[in-house]
Amino acid sequence: MLKLSRNGELAGRTIFEVLRLQGRLLASGDALMERLGLTSARWQILGTIAFLGKPQTVANLARLMGLTRQSVQRVANELALEGLLKFVDNPAHKKAKLMALTPAGHHKAKAAEELRVPWTEALAGHCKGADFGAAAEALAALRKALDK
């Protein structure tokens, strides 16, 4: 049997916890955003475009979020049909349109953020003593290692 180093063991535990956390975050996000008519997937796309503050291509947003281009395209098409985002010409590329929030999309993203902030604060309040800075750094390091 292969033996892990202490750091390898801790990395494995962290990865396992992230996998367990992912499903719970999606379910909780769906419940939180339900009153706005958003799923976690729609919230992620609207929220990320709003956070970045400028239109994005589907491929760029997919890369940034660690999702497939196809899944982002599907959700973006739904959001466009609902009038929350629109596809605009991209001066840097003839075929790859940019996704831009509409005024309704900005409004929905703002409403989502108003729900997210107290939700995040409540979660943080249940985790007294947790070092979220170190956790974020460790997760970013894992992500960067996988990007290589």
C-alpha atoms as a PDB file:
ATOM      1  CA  MET A   1       0.000   0.000   0.000  1.00  0.00           C
ATOM      2  CA  LEU A   2       1.265   3.461  -0.840  1.00  0.00           C
ATOM      3  CA  LYS A   3       2.022   5.764   2.064  1.00  0.00           C
ATOM      4  CA  LEU A   4       1.136   9.443   1.975  1.00  0.00           C
ATOM      5  CA  SER A   5       3.254  12.127   3.537  1.00  0.00           C
ATOM      6  CA  ARG A   6       1.555  14.172   6.264  1.00  0.00           C
ATOM      7  CA  ASN A   7       1.045  17.007   3.761  1.00  0.00           C
ATOM      8  CA  GLY A   8      -0.328  14.572   1.184  1.00  0.00           C
ATOM      9  CA  GLU A   9      -2.720  13.158   3.764  1.00  0.00           C
ATOM     10  CA  LEU A  10      -3.942  16.651   4.693  1.00  0.00           C
ATOM     11  CA  ALA A  11      -4.310  17.584   1.008  1.00  0.00           C
ATOM     12  CA  GLY A  12      -6.381  14.439   0.470  1.00  0.00           C
ATOM     13  CA  ARG A  13      -8.621  15.258   3.431  1.00  0.00           C
ATOM     14  CA  THR A  14      -9.045  18.792   2.134  1.00  0.00           C
ATOM     15  CA  ILE A  15      -9.996  17.553  -1.341  1.00  0.00           C
ATOM     16  CA  PHE A  16     -12.495  15.118   0.181  1.00  0.00           C
ATOM     17  CA  GLU A  17     -14.074  17.879   2.253  1.00  0.00           C
ATOM     18  CA  VAL A  18     -14.294  20.162  -0.806  1.00  0.00           C
ATOM     19  CA  LEU A  19     -16.121  17.417  -2.713  1.00  0.00           C
ATOM     20  CA  ARG A  20     -18.543  16.958   0.178  1.00  0.00           C
ATOM     21  CA  LEU A  21     -18.974  20.714   0.541  1.00  0.00           C
ATOM     22  CA  GLN A  22     -19.704  21.278  -3.145  1.00  0.00           C
ATOM     23  CA  GLY A  23     -23.042  19.485  -3.104  1.00  0.00           C
ATOM     24  CA  ARG A  24     -24.128  21.206   0.076  1.00  0.00           C
ATOM     25  CA  LEU A  25     -23.179  24.634  -1.285  1.00  0.00           C
ATOM     26  CA  LEU A  26     -25.166  24.019  -4.468  1.00  0.00           C
ATOM     27  CA  ALA A  27     -28.241  22.842  -2.557  1.00  0.00           C
ATOM     28  CA  SER A  28     -28.004  25.717  -0.091  1.00  0.00           C
ATOM     29  CA  GLY A  29     -27.442  28.217  -2.912  1.00  0.00           C
ATOM     30  CA  ASP A  30     -30.467  26.867  -4.777  1.00  0.00           C
ATOM     31  CA  ALA A  31     -32.611  27.298  -1.650  1.00  0.00           C
ATOM     32  CA  LEU A  32     -31.226  30.776  -0.944  1.00  0.00           C
ATOM     33  CA  MET A  33     -31.794  32.038  -4.485  1.00  0.00           C
ATOM     34  CA  GLU A  34     -35.117  30.299  -5.111  1.00  0.00           C
ATOM     35  CA  ARG A  35     -37.157  33.407  -4.236  1.00  0.00           C
ATOM     36  CA  LEU A  36     -35.269  35.283  -6.963  1.00  0.00           C
ATOM     37  CA  GLY A  37     -35.924  32.546  -9.505  1.00  0.00           C
ATOM     38  CA  LEU A  38     -32.240  31.661  -9.671  1.00  0.00           C
ATOM     39  CA  THR A  39     -30.457  28.346  -9.369  1.00  0.00           C
ATOM     40  CA  SER A  40     -26.906  28.155  -8.078  1.00  0.00           C
ATOM     41  CA  ALA A  41     -25.681  27.871 -11.680  1.00  0.00           C
ATOM     42  CA  ARG A  42     -27.535  31.019 -12.772  1.00  0.00           C
ATOM     43  CA  TRP A  43     -26.414  32.852  -9.651  1.00  0.00           C
ATOM     44  CA  GLN A  44     -22.778  31.908 -10.276  1.00  0.00           C
ATOM     45  CA  ILE A  45     -22.829  33.266 -13.809  1.00  0.00           C
ATOM     46  CA  LEU A  46     -24.724  36.473 -13.032  1.00  0.00           C
ATOM     47  CA  GLY A  47     -22.716  37.063  -9.879  1.00  0.00           C
ATOM     48  CA  THR A  48     -19.352  36.459 -11.520  1.00  0.00           C
ATOM     49  CA  ILE A  49     -20.067  38.816 -14.422  1.00  0.00           C
ATOM     50  CA  ALA A  50     -21.296  41.438 -11.943  1.00  0.00           C
ATOM     51  CA  PHE A  51     -18.235  40.922  -9.720  1.00  0.00           C
ATOM     52  CA  LEU A  52     -15.824  41.227 -12.661  1.00  0.00           C
ATOM     53  CA  GLY A  53     -17.572  44.421 -13.721  1.00  0.00           C
ATOM     54  CA  LYS A  54     -17.248  43.853 -17.455  1.00  0.00           C
ATOM     55  CA  PRO A  55     -18.675  41.573 -20.141  1.00  0.00           C
ATOM     56  CA  GLN A  56     -17.061  38.143 -20.538  1.00  0.00           C
ATOM     57  CA  THR A  57     -16.896  35.475 -23.211  1.00  0.00           C
ATOM     58  CA  VAL A  58     -18.464  32.136 -22.407  1.00  0.00           C
ATOM     59  CA  ALA A  59     -15.070  30.427 -22.728  1.00  0.00           C
ATOM     60  CA  ASN A  60     -13.335  32.887 -20.415  1.00  0.00           C
ATOM     61  CA  LEU A  61     -16.028  32.640 -17.758  1.00  0.00           C
ATOM     62  CA  ALA A  62     -15.976  28.834 -17.984  1.00  0.00           C
ATOM     63  CA  ARG A  63     -12.190  28.794 -17.522  1.00  0.00           C
ATOM     64  CA  LEU A  64     -12.367  31.223 -14.618  1.00  0.00           C
ATOM     65  CA  MET A  65     -15.087  29.234 -12.859  1.00  0.00           C
ATOM     66  CA  GLY A  66     -13.690  25.774 -13.621  1.00  0.00           C
ATOM     67  CA  LEU A  67     -16.769  24.789 -15.620  1.00  0.00           C
ATOM     68  CA  THR A  68     -17.268  23.459 -19.121  1.00  0.00           C
ATOM     69  CA  ARG A  69     -17.910  25.936 -21.891  1.00  0.00           C
ATOM     70  CA  GLN A  70     -21.054  24.022 -22.813  1.00  0.00           C
ATOM     71  CA  SER A  71     -22.558  24.293 -19.332  1.00  0.00           C
ATOM     72  CA  VAL A  72     -21.897  28.031 -19.179  1.00  0.00           C
ATOM     73  CA  GLN A  73     -23.321  28.470 -22.697  1.00  0.00           C
ATOM     74  CA  ARG A  74     -26.509  26.597 -21.765  1.00  0.00           C
ATOM     75  CA  VAL A  75     -27.124  28.705 -18.655  1.00  0.00           C
ATOM     76  CA  ALA A  76     -26.156  31.923 -20.458  1.00  0.00           C
ATOM     77  CA  ASN A  77     -28.686  31.156 -23.190  1.00  0.00           C
ATOM     78  CA  GLU A  78     -31.389  30.685 -20.541  1.00  0.00           C
ATOM     79  CA  LEU A  79     -30.416  33.955 -18.837  1.00  0.00           C
ATOM     80  CA  ALA A  80     -30.516  35.738 -22.189  1.00  0.00           C
ATOM     81  CA  LEU A  81     -34.009  34.369 -22.898  1.00  0.00           C
ATOM     82  CA  GLU A  82     -35.095  35.767 -19.531  1.00  0.00           C
ATOM     83  CA  GLY A  83     -33.608  39.166 -20.349  1.00  0.00           C
ATOM     84  CA  LEU A  84     -30.954  39.044 -17.609  1.00  0.00           C
ATOM     85  CA  LEU A  85     -27.984  39.064 -19.949  1.00  0.00           C
ATOM     86  CA  LYS A  86     -27.346  39.796 -23.586  1.00  0.00           C
ATOM     87  CA  PHE A  87     -24.694  38.795 -26.083  1.00  0.00           C
ATOM     88  CA  VAL A  88     -22.779  41.730 -27.529  1.00  0.00           C
ATOM     89  CA  ASP A  89     -20.082  42.044 -30.164  1.00  0.00           C
ATOM     90  CA  ASN A  90     -16.554  41.382 -29.013  1.00  0.00           C
ATOM     91  CA  PRO A  91     -14.009  43.787 -30.528  1.00  0.00           C
ATOM     92  CA  ALA A  92     -11.252  41.223 -29.837  1.00  0.00           C
ATOM     93  CA  HIS A  93     -12.949  38.310 -31.612  1.00  0.00           C
ATOM     94  CA  LYS A  94     -15.458  38.092 -34.464  1.00  0.00           C
ATOM     95  CA  LYS A  95     -17.227  34.913 -33.353  1.00  0.00           C
ATOM     96  CA  ALA A  96     -16.902  34.874 -29.548  1.00  0.00           C
ATOM     97  CA  LYS A  97     -19.617  37.202 -28.292  1.00  0.00           C
ATOM     98  CA  LEU A  98     -19.417  38.818 -24.881  1.00  0.00           C
ATOM     99  CA  MET A  99     -22.022  38.218 -22.192  1.00  0.00           C
ATOM    100  CA  ALA A 100     -23.153  41.490 -20.655  1.00  0.00           C
ATOM    101  CA  LEU A 101     -25.705  41.986 -17.909  1.00  0.00           C
ATOM    102  CA  THR A 102     -28.856  43.840 -18.856  1.00  0.00           C
ATOM    103  CA  PRO A 103     -30.345  46.361 -16.416  1.00  0.00           C
ATOM    104  CA  ALA A 104     -32.623  43.537 -15.188  1.00  0.00           C
ATOM    105  CA  GLY A 105     -29.534  41.329 -14.801  1.00  0.00           C
ATOM    106  CA  HIS A 106     -27.749  43.985 -12.751  1.00  0.00           C
ATOM    107  CA  HIS A 107     -30.835  44.314 -10.569  1.00  0.00           C
ATOM    108  CA  LYS A 108     -31.062  40.523 -10.073  1.00  0.00           C
ATOM    109  CA  ALA A 109     -27.328  40.282  -9.290  1.00  0.00           C
ATOM    110  CA  LYS A 110     -27.680  43.062  -6.709  1.00  0.00           C
ATOM    111  CA  ALA A 111     -30.675  41.318  -5.117  1.00  0.00           C
ATOM    112  CA  ALA A 112     -28.688  38.062  -5.007  1.00  0.00           C
ATOM    113  CA  GLU A 113     -25.764  39.823  -3.332  1.00  0.00           C
ATOM    114  CA  GLU A 114     -28.142  41.232  -0.704  1.00  0.00           C
ATOM    115  CA  LEU A 115     -29.125  37.649   0.138  1.00  0.00           C
ATOM    116  CA  ARG A 116     -25.575  36.296  -0.080  1.00  0.00           C
ATOM    117  CA  VAL A 117     -23.928  38.674   2.395  1.00  0.00           C
ATOM    118  CA  PRO A 118     -25.968  37.745   5.502  1.00  0.00           C
ATOM    119  CA  TRP A 119     -25.897  34.057   4.452  1.00  0.00           C
ATOM    120  CA  THR A 120     -22.097  34.161   4.245  1.00  0.00           C
ATOM    121  CA  GLU A 121     -21.832  36.000   7.566  1.00  0.00           C
ATOM    122  CA  ALA A 122     -24.090  33.420   9.243  1.00  0.00           C
ATOM    123  CA  LEU A 123     -21.982  30.559   7.879  1.00  0.00           C
ATOM    124  CA  ALA A 124     -18.802  32.267   9.063  1.00  0.00           C
ATOM    125  CA  GLY A 125     -20.393  32.738  12.481  1.00  0.00           C
ATOM    126  CA  HIS A 126     -20.840  28.963  12.789  1.00  0.00           C
ATOM    127  CA  CYS A 127     -17.133  28.438  12.123  1.00  0.00           C
ATOM    128  CA  LYS A 128     -15.515  30.233  15.038  1.00  0.00           C
ATOM    129  CA  GLY A 129     -11.761  29.849  14.997  1.00  0.00           C
ATOM    130  CA  ALA A 130     -11.606  28.677  11.367  1.00  0.00           C
ATOM    131  CA  ASP A 131      -8.748  30.257   9.431  1.00  0.00           C
ATOM    132  CA  PHE A 132     -10.510  31.118   6.180  1.00  0.00           C
ATOM    133  CA  GLY A 133      -7.466  32.993   4.902  1.00  0.00           C
ATOM    134  CA  ALA A 134      -5.307  29.875   5.155  1.00  0.00           C
ATOM    135  CA  ALA A 135      -8.103  27.734   3.712  1.00  0.00           C
ATOM    136  CA  ALA A 136      -8.521  30.061   0.719  1.00  0.00           C
ATOM    137  CA  GLU A 137      -4.753  30.044   0.120  1.00  0.00           C
ATOM    138  CA  ALA A 138      -4.594  26.244   0.295  1.00  0.00           C
ATOM    139  CA  LEU A 139      -7.536  25.827  -2.087  1.00  0.00           C
ATOM    140  CA  ALA A 140      -6.043  28.363  -4.512  1.00  0.00           C
ATOM    141  CA  ALA A 141      -2.745  26.462  -4.423  1.00  0.00           C
ATOM    142  CA  LEU A 142      -4.552  23.186  -5.206  1.00  0.00           C
ATOM    143  CA  ARG A 143      -6.433  24.864  -8.075  1.00  0.00           C
ATOM    144  CA  LYS A 144      -3.221  26.312  -9.511  1.00  0.00           C
ATOM    145  CA  ALA A 145      -1.500  22.928  -9.281  1.00  0.00           C
ATOM    146  CA  LEU A 146      -4.365  21.358 -11.216  1.00  0.00           C
ATOM    147  CA  ASP A 147      -4.246  24.180 -13.786  1.00  0.00           C
ATOM    148  CA  LYS A 148      -0.671  23.158 -14.607  1.00  0.00           C
END
